[in-house]
Amino acid sequence: MEKLINDFSFGLFFWQTLIFLLLIFLLRKFAWKPILTAVNEREEGIKNALLSAENAKKEMQSLNSHNEKLLAEARVERDAILKEAREIKDKIISEAKDDAQVQAGKLIEQAKAAINSEKNAAMTELKNQVSNLSIEIAEKVLREELSNKESQTKLVEKMLGDVKLN
């Protein structure tokens, strides 16, 4: 260090200081301003990008909440439509059952009426056959009894005995 102090020259120091100051002035004039401007522009660009990203994030959150709301509304509407469809289905089934019961009742009544009419017709025919048979039997019995003279006389006397005179 002593050697530096002994060899110190004011002229050299002056020129080195002058060149250094000139270099600083030239750097400031031509290099620092463009560099600082570029750094400031870069900083502004980064700030704008961060703001844009933040705005995009907020917008995405808004869209997500809007989508959630739309999905919830769609679910509610779907549930309402399904409920209405179930009610309509149940109503149609109920109406079909009621109609089927009414039709079955009508068919049963018609069948009962047909059975009764067939029964009455059969009873009438049976009565007619029984009466015809009874007449034929009575006719045969009477012919048999009235075939001889003695039987006829007995029958007339018996009938006269059964008849009471007032």
C-alpha atoms as a PDB file:
ATOM      1  CA  MET A   1       0.000   0.000   0.000  1.00  0.00           C
ATOM      2  CA  GLU A   2       2.903   2.376   0.646  1.00  0.00           C
ATOM      3  CA  LYS A   3       4.081   1.884  -2.848  1.00  0.00           C
ATOM      4  CA  LEU A   4       0.739   3.100  -4.171  1.00  0.00           C
ATOM      5  CA  ILE A   5       0.839   6.191  -2.027  1.00  0.00           C
ATOM      6  CA  ASN A   6       4.485   6.983  -3.102  1.00  0.00           C
ATOM      7  CA  ASP A   7       3.743   6.489  -6.820  1.00  0.00           C
ATOM      8  CA  PHE A   8       0.558   8.585  -6.718  1.00  0.00           C
ATOM      9  CA  SER A   9       0.231  11.087  -9.552  1.00  0.00           C
ATOM     10  CA  PHE A  10      -2.342  13.888  -9.561  1.00  0.00           C
ATOM     11  CA  GLY A  11      -2.364  14.204 -13.329  1.00  0.00           C
ATOM     12  CA  LEU A  12      -3.141  10.563 -13.869  1.00  0.00           C
ATOM     13  CA  PHE A  13      -5.783  10.715 -11.122  1.00  0.00           C
ATOM     14  CA  PHE A  14      -7.352  13.782 -12.738  1.00  0.00           C
ATOM     15  CA  TRP A  15      -7.569  12.157 -16.187  1.00  0.00           C
ATOM     16  CA  GLN A  16      -8.903   8.891 -14.848  1.00  0.00           C
ATOM     17  CA  THR A  17     -11.569  10.764 -12.867  1.00  0.00           C
ATOM     18  CA  LEU A  18     -12.464  12.864 -15.914  1.00  0.00           C
ATOM     19  CA  ILE A  19     -12.727   9.774 -18.158  1.00  0.00           C
ATOM     20  CA  PHE A  20     -14.795   8.001 -15.493  1.00  0.00           C
ATOM     21  CA  LEU A  21     -17.196  10.942 -15.193  1.00  0.00           C
ATOM     22  CA  LEU A  22     -17.420  11.217 -18.992  1.00  0.00           C
ATOM     23  CA  LEU A  23     -18.132   7.480 -19.185  1.00  0.00           C
ATOM     24  CA  ILE A  24     -20.872   7.840 -16.553  1.00  0.00           C
ATOM     25  CA  PHE A  25     -22.348  10.826 -18.450  1.00  0.00           C
ATOM     26  CA  LEU A  26     -22.299   8.958 -21.772  1.00  0.00           C
ATOM     27  CA  LEU A  27     -23.764   5.819 -20.184  1.00  0.00           C
ATOM     28  CA  ARG A  28     -26.457   7.896 -18.527  1.00  0.00           C
ATOM     29  CA  LYS A  29     -27.299   9.758 -21.710  1.00  0.00           C
ATOM     30  CA  PHE A  30     -27.209   6.826 -24.146  1.00  0.00           C
ATOM     31  CA  ALA A  31     -27.438   3.582 -22.151  1.00  0.00           C
ATOM     32  CA  TRP A  32     -29.220   4.103 -18.841  1.00  0.00           C
ATOM     33  CA  LYS A  33     -32.251   5.913 -20.228  1.00  0.00           C
ATOM     34  CA  PRO A  34     -33.003   3.208 -22.821  1.00  0.00           C
ATOM     35  CA  ILE A  35     -32.189   0.482 -20.280  1.00  0.00           C
ATOM     36  CA  LEU A  36     -34.370   2.120 -17.585  1.00  0.00           C
ATOM     37  CA  THR A  37     -37.108   2.748 -20.147  1.00  0.00           C
ATOM     38  CA  ALA A  38     -36.961  -0.902 -21.232  1.00  0.00           C
ATOM     39  CA  VAL A  39     -36.973  -2.027 -17.576  1.00  0.00           C
ATOM     40  CA  ASN A  40     -39.919   0.286 -16.806  1.00  0.00           C
ATOM     41  CA  GLU A  41     -41.786  -0.922 -19.881  1.00  0.00           C
ATOM     42  CA  ARG A  42     -41.070  -4.506 -18.885  1.00  0.00           C
ATOM     43  CA  GLU A  43     -42.270  -3.758 -15.342  1.00  0.00           C
ATOM     44  CA  GLU A  44     -45.467  -2.151 -16.719  1.00  0.00           C
ATOM     45  CA  GLY A  45     -45.971  -5.115 -19.057  1.00  0.00           C
ATOM     46  CA  ILE A  46     -45.619  -7.517 -16.121  1.00  0.00           C
ATOM     47  CA  LYS A  47     -48.051  -5.415 -14.028  1.00  0.00           C
ATOM     48  CA  ASN A  48     -50.542  -5.367 -16.908  1.00  0.00           C
ATOM     49  CA  ALA A  49     -50.144  -9.113 -17.409  1.00  0.00           C
ATOM     50  CA  LEU A  50     -50.710  -9.709 -13.680  1.00  0.00           C
ATOM     51  CA  LEU A  51     -53.795  -7.453 -13.743  1.00  0.00           C
ATOM     52  CA  SER A  52     -55.082  -9.234 -16.829  1.00  0.00           C
ATOM     53  CA  ALA A  53     -54.472 -12.594 -15.172  1.00  0.00           C
ATOM     54  CA  GLU A  54     -56.265 -11.423 -12.025  1.00  0.00           C
ATOM     55  CA  ASN A  55     -59.179 -10.099 -14.103  1.00  0.00           C
ATOM     56  CA  ALA A  56     -59.291 -13.361 -16.055  1.00  0.00           C
ATOM     57  CA  LYS A  57     -59.271 -15.290 -12.774  1.00  0.00           C
ATOM     58  CA  LYS A  58     -62.162 -13.175 -11.439  1.00  0.00           C
ATOM     59  CA  GLU A  59     -64.047 -13.604 -14.702  1.00  0.00           C
ATOM     60  CA  MET A  60     -63.482 -17.365 -14.575  1.00  0.00           C
ATOM     61  CA  GLN A  61     -64.802 -17.446 -11.017  1.00  0.00           C
ATOM     62  CA  SER A  62     -67.807 -15.403 -12.121  1.00  0.00           C
ATOM     63  CA  LEU A  63     -68.404 -17.740 -15.062  1.00  0.00           C
ATOM     64  CA  ASN A  64     -68.017 -20.779 -12.797  1.00  0.00           C
ATOM     65  CA  SER A  65     -70.540 -19.399 -10.322  1.00  0.00           C
ATOM     66  CA  HIS A  66     -72.860 -18.538 -13.223  1.00  0.00           C
ATOM     67  CA  ASN A  67     -72.434 -22.052 -14.622  1.00  0.00           C
ATOM     68  CA  GLU A  68     -73.139 -23.530 -11.178  1.00  0.00           C
ATOM     69  CA  LYS A  69     -76.294 -21.413 -10.973  1.00  0.00           C
ATOM     70  CA  LEU A  70     -77.389 -22.519 -14.456  1.00  0.00           C
ATOM     71  CA  LEU A  71     -76.707 -26.164 -13.568  1.00  0.00           C
ATOM     72  CA  ALA A  72     -78.746 -25.825 -10.378  1.00  0.00           C
ATOM     73  CA  GLU A  73     -81.625 -24.248 -12.318  1.00  0.00           C
ATOM     74  CA  ALA A  74     -81.393 -26.981 -14.952  1.00  0.00           C
ATOM     75  CA  ARG A  75     -81.492 -29.652 -12.235  1.00  0.00           C
ATOM     76  CA  VAL A  76     -84.538 -28.040 -10.642  1.00  0.00           C
ATOM     77  CA  GLU A  77     -86.262 -27.791 -14.022  1.00  0.00           C
ATOM     78  CA  ARG A  78     -85.357 -31.408 -14.837  1.00  0.00           C
ATOM     79  CA  ASP A  79     -86.754 -32.565 -11.489  1.00  0.00           C
ATOM     80  CA  ALA A  80     -89.953 -30.601 -12.108  1.00  0.00           C
ATOM     81  CA  ILE A  81     -90.337 -32.103 -15.583  1.00  0.00           C
ATOM     82  CA  LEU A  82     -89.709 -35.620 -14.240  1.00  0.00           C
ATOM     83  CA  LYS A  83     -92.231 -35.065 -11.445  1.00  0.00           C
ATOM     84  CA  GLU A  84     -94.808 -33.801 -13.931  1.00  0.00           C
ATOM     85  CA  ALA A  85     -94.121 -36.770 -16.221  1.00  0.00           C
ATOM     86  CA  ARG A  86     -94.585 -39.181 -13.292  1.00  0.00           C
ATOM     87  CA  GLU A  87     -97.856 -37.486 -12.354  1.00  0.00           C
ATOM     88  CA  ILE A  88     -99.091 -37.679 -15.945  1.00  0.00           C
ATOM     89  CA  LYS A  89     -98.042 -41.342 -16.141  1.00  0.00           C
ATOM     90  CA  ASP A  90     -99.847 -42.134 -12.871  1.00  0.00           C
ATOM     91  CA  LYS A  91    -102.930 -40.241 -14.070  1.00  0.00           C
ATOM     92  CA  ILE A  92    -102.976 -42.099 -17.391  1.00  0.00           C
ATOM     93  CA  ILE A  93    -102.548 -45.446 -15.622  1.00  0.00           C
ATOM     94  CA  SER A  94    -105.305 -44.559 -13.166  1.00  0.00           C
ATOM     95  CA  GLU A  95    -107.639 -43.501 -15.978  1.00  0.00           C
ATOM     96  CA  ALA A  96    -106.848 -46.685 -17.891  1.00  0.00           C
ATOM     97  CA  LYS A  97    -107.604 -48.780 -14.796  1.00  0.00           C
ATOM     98  CA  ASP A  98    -110.868 -46.922 -14.227  1.00  0.00           C
ATOM     99  CA  ASP A  99    -111.855 -47.359 -17.876  1.00  0.00           C
ATOM    100  CA  ALA A 100    -110.950 -51.048 -17.719  1.00  0.00           C
ATOM    101  CA  GLN A 101    -113.041 -51.483 -14.568  1.00  0.00           C
ATOM    102  CA  VAL A 102    -115.984 -49.694 -16.181  1.00  0.00           C
ATOM    103  CA  GLN A 103    -115.657 -51.847 -19.307  1.00  0.00           C
ATOM    104  CA  ALA A 104    -115.336 -54.996 -17.189  1.00  0.00           C
ATOM    105  CA  GLY A 105    -118.451 -53.976 -15.226  1.00  0.00           C
ATOM    106  CA  LYS A 106    -120.355 -53.433 -18.465  1.00  0.00           C
ATOM    107  CA  LEU A 107    -119.220 -56.788 -19.808  1.00  0.00           C
ATOM    108  CA  ILE A 108    -120.212 -58.498 -16.545  1.00  0.00           C
ATOM    109  CA  GLU A 109    -123.634 -56.853 -16.620  1.00  0.00           C
ATOM    110  CA  GLN A 110    -124.106 -57.851 -20.261  1.00  0.00           C
ATOM    111  CA  ALA A 111    -123.031 -61.413 -19.435  1.00  0.00           C
ATOM    112  CA  LYS A 112    -125.462 -61.517 -16.473  1.00  0.00           C
ATOM    113  CA  ALA A 113    -128.260 -60.196 -18.678  1.00  0.00           C
ATOM    114  CA  ALA A 114    -127.434 -62.763 -21.368  1.00  0.00           C
ATOM    115  CA  ILE A 115    -127.313 -65.547 -18.759  1.00  0.00           C
ATOM    116  CA  ASN A 116    -130.665 -64.439 -17.300  1.00  0.00           C
ATOM    117  CA  SER A 117    -132.289 -64.270 -20.725  1.00  0.00           C
ATOM    118  CA  GLU A 118    -130.859 -67.692 -21.627  1.00  0.00           C
ATOM    119  CA  LYS A 119    -132.032 -69.018 -18.253  1.00  0.00           C
ATOM    120  CA  ASN A 120    -135.527 -67.601 -18.769  1.00  0.00           C
ATOM    121  CA  ALA A 121    -135.642 -69.001 -22.287  1.00  0.00           C
ATOM    122  CA  ALA A 122    -134.481 -72.392 -21.012  1.00  0.00           C
ATOM    123  CA  MET A 123    -137.033 -72.301 -18.177  1.00  0.00           C
ATOM    124  CA  THR A 124    -139.803 -71.376 -20.608  1.00  0.00           C
ATOM    125  CA  GLU A 125    -138.793 -74.166 -22.948  1.00  0.00           C
ATOM    126  CA  LEU A 126    -138.535 -76.596 -20.031  1.00  0.00           C
ATOM    127  CA  LYS A 127    -142.016 -75.576 -18.814  1.00  0.00           C
ATOM    128  CA  ASN A 128    -143.368 -76.011 -22.310  1.00  0.00           C
ATOM    129  CA  GLN A 129    -141.787 -79.445 -22.587  1.00  0.00           C
ATOM    130  CA  VAL A 130    -142.997 -80.436 -19.106  1.00  0.00           C
ATOM    131  CA  SER A 131    -146.516 -79.239 -19.910  1.00  0.00           C
ATOM    132  CA  ASN A 132    -146.466 -81.069 -23.239  1.00  0.00           C
ATOM    133  CA  LEU A 133    -145.211 -84.211 -21.518  1.00  0.00           C
ATOM    134  CA  SER A 134    -147.814 -83.818 -18.782  1.00  0.00           C
ATOM    135  CA  ILE A 135    -150.578 -83.454 -21.348  1.00  0.00           C
ATOM    136  CA  GLU A 136    -149.305 -86.444 -23.286  1.00  0.00           C
ATOM    137  CA  ILE A 137    -149.070 -88.532 -20.087  1.00  0.00           C
ATOM    138  CA  ALA A 138    -152.511 -87.402 -18.954  1.00  0.00           C
ATOM    139  CA  GLU A 139    -153.884 -88.145 -22.390  1.00  0.00           C
ATOM    140  CA  LYS A 140    -152.336 -91.620 -22.366  1.00  0.00           C
ATOM    141  CA  VAL A 141    -153.565 -92.282 -18.839  1.00  0.00           C
ATOM    142  CA  LEU A 142    -157.074 -91.090 -19.690  1.00  0.00           C
ATOM    143  CA  ARG A 143    -157.163 -93.134 -22.861  1.00  0.00           C
ATOM    144  CA  GLU A 144    -155.997 -96.130 -20.912  1.00  0.00           C
ATOM    145  CA  GLU A 145    -158.570 -95.611 -18.172  1.00  0.00           C
ATOM    146  CA  LEU A 146    -161.349 -94.687 -20.499  1.00  0.00           C
ATOM    147  CA  SER A 147    -160.729 -97.529 -22.872  1.00  0.00           C
ATOM    148  CA  ASN A 148    -163.194 -99.812 -21.230  1.00  0.00           C
ATOM    149  CA  LYS A 149    -166.740 -99.014 -20.154  1.00  0.00           C
ATOM    150  CA  GLU A 150    -166.436-100.072 -16.553  1.00  0.00           C
ATOM    151  CA  SER A 151    -163.428 -97.744 -15.915  1.00  0.00           C
ATOM    152  CA  GLN A 152    -165.337 -94.832 -17.400  1.00  0.00           C
ATOM    153  CA  THR A 153    -168.241 -95.396 -15.073  1.00  0.00           C
ATOM    154  CA  LYS A 154    -166.040 -95.627 -11.995  1.00  0.00           C
ATOM    155  CA  LEU A 155    -164.229 -92.422 -12.959  1.00  0.00           C
ATOM    156  CA  VAL A 156    -167.489 -90.504 -13.465  1.00  0.00           C
ATOM    157  CA  GLU A 157    -168.831 -91.718 -10.099  1.00  0.00           C
ATOM    158  CA  LYS A 158    -165.598 -90.821  -8.350  1.00  0.00           C
ATOM    159  CA  MET A 159    -165.667 -87.355  -9.852  1.00  0.00           C
ATOM    160  CA  LEU A 160    -169.225 -86.851  -8.888  1.00  0.00           C
ATOM    161  CA  GLY A 161    -168.380 -87.942  -5.360  1.00  0.00           C
ATOM    162  CA  ASP A 162    -165.565 -85.440  -5.172  1.00  0.00           C
ATOM    163  CA  VAL A 163    -167.793 -82.611  -6.276  1.00  0.00           C
ATOM    164  CA  LYS A 164    -169.798 -81.232  -3.380  1.00  0.00           C
ATOM    165  CA  LEU A 165    -173.110 -79.681  -3.965  1.00  0.00           C
ATOM    166  CA  ASN A 166    -173.946 -76.540  -2.139  1.00  0.00           C
END
